[in-house]
C-alpha atoms as a PDB file:
ATOM      1  CA  MET A   1       0.000   0.000   0.000  1.00  0.00           C
ATOM      2  CA  PRO A   2       1.576   3.334  -1.032  1.00  0.00           C
ATOM      3  CA  GLN A   3       2.552   5.712   1.749  1.00  0.00           C
ATOM      4  CA  GLU A   4       0.790   9.048   2.099  1.00  0.00           C
ATOM      5  CA  GLY A   5       2.680  11.766   0.261  1.00  0.00           C
ATOM      6  CA  SER A   6       4.372   9.335  -2.109  1.00  0.00           C
ATOM      7  CA  LEU A   7       4.097   9.645  -5.887  1.00  0.00           C
ATOM      8  CA  ALA A   8       2.141   6.381  -5.994  1.00  0.00           C
ATOM      9  CA  ALA A   9      -0.389   7.724  -3.499  1.00  0.00           C
ATOM     10  CA  HIS A  10      -0.717  10.919  -5.530  1.00  0.00           C
ATOM     11  CA  LEU A  11      -1.294   9.002  -8.738  1.00  0.00           C
ATOM     12  CA  ASP A  12      -3.849   6.797  -7.006  1.00  0.00           C
ATOM     13  CA  PHE A  13      -5.722   9.954  -5.942  1.00  0.00           C
ATOM     14  CA  VAL A  14      -5.650  11.276  -9.506  1.00  0.00           C
ATOM     15  CA  ARG A  15      -7.031   7.981 -10.819  1.00  0.00           C
ATOM     16  CA  THR A  16      -9.896   7.941  -8.304  1.00  0.00           C
ATOM     17  CA  PRO A  17     -13.084   8.455 -10.340  1.00  0.00           C
ATOM     18  CA  VAL A  18     -14.984  11.615  -9.534  1.00  0.00           C
ATOM     19  CA  PRO A  19     -18.772  11.138  -9.757  1.00  0.00           C
ATOM     20  CA  LEU A  20     -20.886  13.181 -12.114  1.00  0.00           C
ATOM     21  CA  GLY A  21     -23.514  15.542 -10.818  1.00  0.00           C
ATOM     22  CA  ARG A  22     -27.078  14.393 -11.391  1.00  0.00           C
ATOM     23  CA  SER A  23     -30.506  15.722 -12.278  1.00  0.00           C
ATOM     24  CA  ILE A  24     -33.429  13.920 -10.629  1.00  0.00           C
ATOM     25  CA  GLY A  25     -37.169  14.407 -11.007  1.00  0.00           C
ATOM     26  CA  THR A  26     -39.468  16.003 -13.587  1.00  0.00           C
ATOM     27  CA  PRO A  27     -39.344  19.815 -13.902  1.00  0.00           C
ATOM     28  CA  GLY A  28     -42.886  21.175 -13.800  1.00  0.00           C
ATOM     29  CA  GLY A  29     -44.300  17.691 -13.353  1.00  0.00           C
ATOM     30  CA  GLY A  30     -46.666  18.863 -10.633  1.00  0.00           C
ATOM     31  CA  LEU A  31     -48.340  21.132 -13.218  1.00  0.00           C
ATOM     32  CA  ASP A  32     -49.306  18.260 -15.511  1.00  0.00           C
ATOM     33  CA  ASN A  33     -53.107  17.996 -15.337  1.00  0.00           C
ATOM     34  CA  ALA A  34     -53.067  20.303 -12.300  1.00  0.00           C
ATOM     35  CA  THR A  35     -56.700  20.775 -11.286  1.00  0.00           C
ATOM     36  CA  TRP A  36     -55.708  23.510  -8.806  1.00  0.00           C
ATOM     37  CA  ALA A  37     -54.256  25.788 -11.504  1.00  0.00           C
ATOM     38  CA  ARG A  38     -56.381  28.694 -12.749  1.00  0.00           C
ATOM     39  CA  ASN A  39     -56.609  27.079 -16.185  1.00  0.00           C
ATOM     40  CA  ALA A  40     -54.647  24.874 -18.567  1.00  0.00           C
ATOM     41  CA  ALA A  41     -52.844  27.855 -20.100  1.00  0.00           C
ATOM     42  CA  THR A  42     -51.633  29.033 -16.692  1.00  0.00           C
ATOM     43  CA  ALA A  43     -50.347  25.550 -15.885  1.00  0.00           C
ATOM     44  CA  ARG A  44     -48.561  25.325 -19.240  1.00  0.00           C
ATOM     45  CA  ILE A  45     -46.849  28.698 -18.781  1.00  0.00           C
ATOM     46  CA  GLY A  46     -45.754  27.800 -15.253  1.00  0.00           C
ATOM     47  CA  ARG A  47     -44.421  24.439 -16.412  1.00  0.00           C
ATOM     48  CA  GLU A  48     -42.391  26.074 -19.192  1.00  0.00           C
ATOM     49  CA  GLY A  49     -40.845  28.483 -16.679  1.00  0.00           C
ATOM     50  CA  GLU A  50     -39.801  25.629 -14.389  1.00  0.00           C
ATOM     51  CA  ARG A  51     -38.271  23.804 -17.328  1.00  0.00           C
ATOM     52  CA  ARG A  52     -36.231  26.878 -18.283  1.00  0.00           C
ATOM     53  CA  THR A  53     -34.774  27.110 -14.784  1.00  0.00           C
ATOM     54  CA  ALA A  54     -34.200  23.352 -14.725  1.00  0.00           C
ATOM     55  CA  ALA A  55     -32.285  23.483 -18.000  1.00  0.00           C
ATOM     56  CA  LEU A  56     -29.804  25.975 -16.519  1.00  0.00           C
ATOM     57  CA  LEU A  57     -29.348  23.947 -13.330  1.00  0.00           C
ATOM     58  CA  ASP A  58     -29.041  20.641 -15.192  1.00  0.00           C
ATOM     59  CA  VAL A  59     -26.246  21.877 -17.448  1.00  0.00           C
ATOM     60  CA  ALA A  60     -24.366  23.254 -14.445  1.00  0.00           C
ATOM     61  CA  CYS A  61     -24.724  20.100 -12.345  1.00  0.00           C
ATOM     62  CA  ARG A  62     -24.212  17.351 -14.914  1.00  0.00           C
ATOM     63  CA  ARG A  63     -20.425  17.497 -14.902  1.00  0.00           C
ATOM     64  CA  THR A  64     -17.570  15.839 -13.108  1.00  0.00           C
ATOM     65  CA  GLY A  65     -17.776  16.648  -9.424  1.00  0.00           C
ATOM     66  CA  GLY A  66     -21.008  18.552  -9.949  1.00  0.00           C
ATOM     67  CA  ALA A  67     -23.848  19.019  -7.505  1.00  0.00           C
ATOM     68  CA  THR A  68     -27.157  17.147  -7.663  1.00  0.00           C
ATOM     69  CA  VAL A  69     -30.365  18.969  -8.551  1.00  0.00           C
ATOM     70  CA  LEU A  70     -33.842  17.659  -7.729  1.00  0.00           C
ATOM     71  CA  HIS A  71     -36.930  19.014  -9.480  1.00  0.00           C
ATOM     72  CA  ASP A  72     -40.487  19.382  -8.187  1.00  0.00           C
ATOM     73  CA  LEU A  73     -40.719  18.226  -4.585  1.00  0.00           C
ATOM     74  CA  ILE A  74     -43.556  18.419  -2.075  1.00  0.00           C
ATOM     75  CA  ILE A  75     -42.992  20.495   1.050  1.00  0.00           C
ATOM     76  CA  PRO A  76     -43.513  18.254   4.104  1.00  0.00           C
ATOM     77  CA  GLY A  77     -46.655  19.049   6.053  1.00  0.00           C
ATOM     78  CA  SER A  78     -47.972  21.327   3.300  1.00  0.00           C
ATOM     79  CA  ARG A  79     -49.893  21.127   0.040  1.00  0.00           C
ATOM     80  CA  ALA A  80     -47.330  23.427  -1.574  1.00  0.00           C
ATOM     81  CA  ASN A  81     -44.324  22.284  -3.545  1.00  0.00           C
ATOM     82  CA  ILE A  82     -40.852  23.601  -4.243  1.00  0.00           C
ATOM     83  CA  ASP A  83     -39.583  23.678  -7.791  1.00  0.00           C
ATOM     84  CA  HIS A  84     -35.861  22.901  -7.454  1.00  0.00           C
ATOM     85  CA  LEU A  85     -33.323  21.845  -4.829  1.00  0.00           C
ATOM     86  CA  VAL A  86     -29.566  21.885  -5.412  1.00  0.00           C
ATOM     87  CA  VAL A  87     -27.482  19.710  -3.092  1.00  0.00           C
ATOM     88  CA  ALA A  88     -23.741  20.493  -3.019  1.00  0.00           C
ATOM     89  CA  GLY A  89     -21.919  18.633  -0.281  1.00  0.00           C
ATOM     90  CA  ARG A  90     -24.221  19.020   2.737  1.00  0.00           C
ATOM     91  CA  THR A  91     -25.560  22.384   1.570  1.00  0.00           C
ATOM     92  CA  VAL A  92     -29.099  22.588   0.197  1.00  0.00           C
ATOM     93  CA  TRP A  93     -30.171  25.487  -2.023  1.00  0.00           C
ATOM     94  CA  VAL A  94     -33.911  26.069  -2.506  1.00  0.00           C
ATOM     95  CA  VAL A  95     -34.852  27.606  -5.880  1.00  0.00           C
ATOM     96  CA  ASP A  96     -38.415  28.597  -6.800  1.00  0.00           C
ATOM     97  CA  THR A  97     -39.541  29.570 -10.303  1.00  0.00           C
ATOM     98  CA  LYS A  98     -42.149  32.197 -11.188  1.00  0.00           C
ATOM     99  CA  VAL A  99     -43.511  33.378 -14.540  1.00  0.00           C
ATOM    100  CA  TRP A 100     -44.767  36.964 -14.416  1.00  0.00           C
ATOM    101  CA  ALA A 101     -46.377  39.190 -17.027  1.00  0.00           C
ATOM    102  CA  PRO A 102     -44.544  42.262 -18.350  1.00  0.00           C
ATOM    103  CA  GLY A 103     -44.799  45.216 -16.006  1.00  0.00           C
ATOM    104  CA  VAL A 104     -43.003  47.181 -13.317  1.00  0.00           C
ATOM    105  CA  TYR A 105     -42.761  45.278 -10.036  1.00  0.00           C
ATOM    106  CA  TRP A 106     -41.911  47.146  -6.862  1.00  0.00           C
ATOM    107  CA  ARG A 107     -42.305  46.840  -3.129  1.00  0.00           C
ATOM    108  CA  VAL A 108     -43.024  48.979  -0.087  1.00  0.00           C
ATOM    109  CA  GLY A 109     -42.400  47.258   3.223  1.00  0.00           C
ATOM    110  CA  GLY A 110     -44.050  43.876   3.047  1.00  0.00           C
ATOM    111  CA  ARG A 111     -46.393  44.769   0.157  1.00  0.00           C
ATOM    112  CA  ALA A 112     -45.605  44.131  -3.509  1.00  0.00           C
ATOM    113  CA  PHE A 113     -47.128  45.868  -6.536  1.00  0.00           C
ATOM    114  CA  ARG A 114     -47.284  45.487 -10.320  1.00  0.00           C
ATOM    115  CA  GLY A 115     -47.739  49.007 -11.583  1.00  0.00           C
ATOM    116  CA  MET A 116     -50.208  50.489  -9.114  1.00  0.00           C
ATOM    117  CA  ALA A 117     -52.040  47.237  -8.376  1.00  0.00           C
ATOM    118  CA  ARG A 118     -51.280  45.008  -5.400  1.00  0.00           C
ATOM    119  CA  PHE A 119     -49.403  41.849  -6.448  1.00  0.00           C
ATOM    120  CA  GLU A 120     -49.780  39.333  -3.643  1.00  0.00           C
ATOM    121  CA  PRO A 121     -47.944  36.432  -5.378  1.00  0.00           C
ATOM    122  CA  ALA A 122     -44.689  38.322  -4.740  1.00  0.00           C
ATOM    123  CA  GLU A 123     -45.491  38.394  -1.014  1.00  0.00           C
ATOM    124  CA  LYS A 124     -45.777  34.632  -0.477  1.00  0.00           C
ATOM    125  CA  ARG A 125     -43.059  33.029   1.640  1.00  0.00           C
ATOM    126  CA  THR A 126     -43.030  29.603   0.046  1.00  0.00           C
ATOM    127  CA  THR A 127     -39.241  29.350   0.024  1.00  0.00           C
ATOM    128  CA  THR A 128     -39.011  30.111   3.746  1.00  0.00           C
ATOM    129  CA  LEU A 129     -41.660  27.488   4.434  1.00  0.00           C
ATOM    130  CA  ALA A 130     -39.684  25.029   2.320  1.00  0.00           C
ATOM    131  CA  VAL A 131     -36.433  25.644   4.224  1.00  0.00           C
ATOM    132  CA  ASP A 132     -38.103  25.240   7.617  1.00  0.00           C
ATOM    133  CA  ARG A 133     -40.066  22.108   6.715  1.00  0.00           C
ATOM    134  CA  LEU A 134     -37.249  20.446   4.774  1.00  0.00           C
ATOM    135  CA  GLY A 135     -34.886  21.015   7.681  1.00  0.00           C
ATOM    136  CA  GLY A 136     -37.311  19.339  10.060  1.00  0.00           C
ATOM    137  CA  TYR A 137     -37.944  16.488   7.662  1.00  0.00           C
ATOM    138  CA  LEU A 138     -34.242  15.767   7.249  1.00  0.00           C
ATOM    139  CA  ARG A 139     -33.653  15.892  10.990  1.00  0.00           C
ATOM    140  CA  GLY A 140     -36.414  13.334  11.374  1.00  0.00           C
ATOM    141  CA  LEU A 141     -34.341  11.075   9.128  1.00  0.00           C
ATOM    142  CA  GLY A 142     -31.237  11.698  11.234  1.00  0.00           C
ATOM    143  CA  LEU A 143     -29.686  13.935   8.563  1.00  0.00           C
ATOM    144  CA  ASP A 144     -28.215  17.385   9.113  1.00  0.00           C
ATOM    145  CA  ALA A 145     -28.011  19.954   6.311  1.00  0.00           C
ATOM    146  CA  VAL A 146     -26.943  23.560   5.896  1.00  0.00           C
ATOM    147  CA  PHE A 147     -29.397  25.693   3.913  1.00  0.00           C
ATOM    148  CA  ALA A 148     -28.135  28.422   1.600  1.00  0.00           C
ATOM    149  CA  ALA A 149     -30.281  31.529   1.133  1.00  0.00           C
ATOM    150  CA  PRO A 150     -33.202  30.530  -1.128  1.00  0.00           C
ATOM    151  CA  THR A 151     -33.728  32.221  -4.494  1.00  0.00           C
ATOM    152  CA  VAL A 152     -36.812  33.097  -6.571  1.00  0.00           C
ATOM    153  CA  VAL A 153     -36.243  33.106 -10.353  1.00  0.00           C
ATOM    154  CA  VAL A 154     -38.650  35.116 -12.522  1.00  0.00           C
ATOM    155  CA  TRP A 155     -39.225  34.460 -16.231  1.00  0.00           C
ATOM    156  CA  PRO A 156     -41.377  36.616 -18.538  1.00  0.00           C
ATOM    157  CA  SER A 157     -44.732  35.298 -19.749  1.00  0.00           C
ATOM    158  CA  GLY A 158     -44.437  37.321 -22.949  1.00  0.00           C
ATOM    159  CA  ALA A 159     -41.913  38.948 -25.249  1.00  0.00           C
ATOM    160  CA  SER A 160     -41.152  41.757 -22.782  1.00  0.00           C
ATOM    161  CA  ALA A 161     -39.430  40.939 -19.517  1.00  0.00           C
ATOM    162  CA  PRO A 162     -40.802  42.208 -16.191  1.00  0.00           C
ATOM    163  CA  LEU A 163     -38.919  45.114 -14.645  1.00  0.00           C
ATOM    164  CA  LEU A 164     -38.029  43.907 -11.159  1.00  0.00           C
ATOM    165  CA  LEU A 165     -37.571  46.902  -8.899  1.00  0.00           C
ATOM    166  CA  LEU A 166     -38.324  44.742  -5.873  1.00  0.00           C
ATOM    167  CA  GLY A 167     -35.305  42.985  -4.430  1.00  0.00           C
ATOM    168  CA  ARG A 168     -37.237  40.201  -2.746  1.00  0.00           C
ATOM    169  CA  ALA A 169     -40.212  37.940  -3.353  1.00  0.00           C
ATOM    170  CA  GLY A 170     -41.663  36.987   0.013  1.00  0.00           C
ATOM    171  CA  ASP A 171     -38.472  37.194   2.039  1.00  0.00           C
ATOM    172  CA  SER A 172     -36.109  35.639  -0.538  1.00  0.00           C
ATOM    173  CA  PRO A 173     -33.903  37.355  -3.133  1.00  0.00           C
ATOM    174  CA  VAL A 174     -35.550  37.581  -6.566  1.00  0.00           C
ATOM    175  CA  VAL A 175     -33.638  37.555  -9.870  1.00  0.00           C
ATOM    176  CA  SER A 176     -34.564  37.524 -13.530  1.00  0.00           C
ATOM    177  CA  GLY A 177     -34.034  34.360 -15.541  1.00  0.00           C
ATOM    178  CA  ARG A 178     -31.241  36.012 -17.517  1.00  0.00           C
ATOM    179  CA  THR A 179     -29.380  37.088 -14.374  1.00  0.00           C
ATOM    180  CA  PHE A 180     -29.887  33.666 -12.815  1.00  0.00           C
ATOM    181  CA  GLY A 181     -28.475  31.924 -15.882  1.00  0.00           C
ATOM    182  CA  TRP A 182     -25.340  34.054 -15.795  1.00  0.00           C
ATOM    183  CA  ALA A 183     -24.871  33.468 -12.059  1.00  0.00           C
ATOM    184  CA  VAL A 184     -25.317  29.687 -12.267  1.00  0.00           C
ATOM    185  CA  ARG A 185     -22.859  29.371 -15.135  1.00  0.00           C
ATOM    186  CA  SER A 186     -20.332  31.501 -13.264  1.00  0.00           C
ATOM    187  CA  MET A 187     -20.653  29.644  -9.953  1.00  0.00           C
ATOM    188  CA  THR A 188     -20.475  26.169 -11.447  1.00  0.00           C
ATOM    189  CA  ARG A 189     -17.876  26.670 -14.174  1.00  0.00           C
ATOM    190  CA  PRO A 190     -15.367  23.767 -13.947  1.00  0.00           C
ATOM    191  CA  ARG A 191     -12.080  24.792 -12.352  1.00  0.00           C
ATOM    192  CA  ARG A 192      -8.616  23.294 -12.538  1.00  0.00           C
ATOM    193  CA  PHE A 193      -6.959  20.985 -10.028  1.00  0.00           C
ATOM    194  CA  GLY A 194     -10.179  19.222  -9.030  1.00  0.00           C
ATOM    195  CA  ALA A 195     -11.753  22.144  -7.148  1.00  0.00           C
ATOM    196  CA  GLY A 196     -15.137  20.963  -8.395  1.00  0.00           C
ATOM    197  CA  ARG A 197     -14.888  17.831  -6.241  1.00  0.00           C
ATOM    198  CA  VAL A 198     -16.187  19.694  -3.202  1.00  0.00           C
ATOM    199  CA  ARG A 199     -19.525  20.247  -4.925  1.00  0.00           C
ATOM    200  CA  THR A 200     -20.407  16.562  -5.112  1.00  0.00           C
ATOM    201  CA  ALA A 201     -23.675  16.036  -3.233  1.00  0.00           C
ATOM    202  CA  ASP A 202     -23.923  14.137   0.029  1.00  0.00           C
ATOM    203  CA  GLN A 203     -25.719  10.995  -1.108  1.00  0.00           C
ATOM    204  CA  ALA A 204     -27.584  10.463   2.158  1.00  0.00           C
ATOM    205  CA  LEU A 205     -29.189  13.885   1.727  1.00  0.00           C
ATOM    206  CA  VAL A 206     -30.037  13.138  -1.899  1.00  0.00           C
ATOM    207  CA  GLU A 207     -31.690   9.857  -0.942  1.00  0.00           C
ATOM    208  CA  GLY A 208     -33.673  11.494   1.849  1.00  0.00           C
ATOM    209  CA  LEU A 209     -34.886  14.337  -0.358  1.00  0.00           C
ATOM    210  CA  SER A 210     -35.670  12.023  -3.285  1.00  0.00           C
ATOM    211  CA  SER A 211     -38.537  10.559  -1.276  1.00  0.00           C
ATOM    212  CA  LEU A 212     -40.288  13.951  -1.605  1.00  0.00           C
ATOM    213  CA  LEU A 213     -40.265  14.024  -5.415  1.00  0.00           C
ATOM    214  CA  VAL A 214     -43.728  14.613  -6.832  1.00  0.00           C
ATOM    215  CA  SER A 215     -42.922  12.101  -9.571  1.00  0.00           C
ATOM    216  CA  ARG A 216     -42.602   9.413  -6.875  1.00  0.00           C
ATOM    217  CA  ARG A 217     -45.270  10.412  -4.352  1.00  0.00           C
ATOM    218  CA  GLY A 218     -47.889  12.376  -6.220  1.00  0.00           C
ATOM    219  CA  ARG A 219     -49.157  15.454  -4.360  1.00  0.00           C
ATOM    220  CA  ARG A 220     -49.828  13.699  -1.023  1.00  0.00           C
ATOM    221  CA  ALA A 221     -47.899  16.252   1.031  1.00  0.00           C
ATOM    222  CA  ASP A 222     -50.087  15.668   4.075  1.00  0.00           C
ATOM    223  CA  SER A 223     -48.663  12.167   4.469  1.00  0.00           C
ATOM    224  CA  VAL A 224     -45.123  13.418   5.062  1.00  0.00           C
ATOM    225  CA  ALA A 225     -44.241  14.038   8.699  1.00  0.00           C
ATOM    226  CA  VAL A 226     -42.054  16.964   9.710  1.00  0.00           C
ATOM    227  CA  ALA A 227     -39.972  17.561  12.833  1.00  0.00           C
ATOM    228  CA  SER A 228     -40.017  21.007  14.457  1.00  0.00           C
ATOM    229  CA  ASP A 229     -37.649  20.766  17.413  1.00  0.00           C
ATOM    230  CA  ARG A 230     -35.296  23.424  16.103  1.00  0.00           C
ATOM    231  CA  GLY A 231     -34.703  25.490  12.987  1.00  0.00           C
ATOM    232  CA  PRO A 232     -32.329  24.420  10.215  1.00  0.00           C
ATOM    233  CA  ARG A 233     -28.799  25.732  10.105  1.00  0.00           C
ATOM    234  CA  ARG A 234     -28.081  28.245   7.372  1.00  0.00           C
ATOM    235  CA  ALA A 235     -24.962  28.906   5.366  1.00  0.00           C
END
């Protein structure tokens, strides 16, 4: 057996296969035949937005040493769902996708507006709910995770993009699809000397979270228990 620090040990490390990042689940799958959506057109537009975000995350993660991304998961103890989770090491990043009509979006205090009309969808705190419930769910499985600040990605429903003068949706940072795409490509660009290895997902976390995929469970969120002894740690 080669000694640590020897050339043989170094070469053995270099030859060790580095796993590829993975994409799991069906982006927008929860919007297929969604009876709760306003209408079929609304569901279709929402599904297309989720697939656009998923495409960016999938390209970034499906590489040597990449993270694992899971699409369309139920939130434990809720009828809501979360669109995307990225697992890098033991860090979990919650990403929600929205599709908004062209217009000027702004915020005063806790109230959001499109033009001069109140826009309550930008006030919902779904991502915060997801972080709290997912943390409890994982603790119930004996797993500990660190949660990065969640992000809300907004795509346009038409040819003109929304003007986002509000910095947050609910209490999470909000970014346009174009800005999000640039940021994801920048953060996950492969680096030399194996730096990407640290992004490989903790497989125990991936397995625990995979049980929440809508594609595996349907929308039976009420059947998933959630612990609430303490809040999740944050990055």
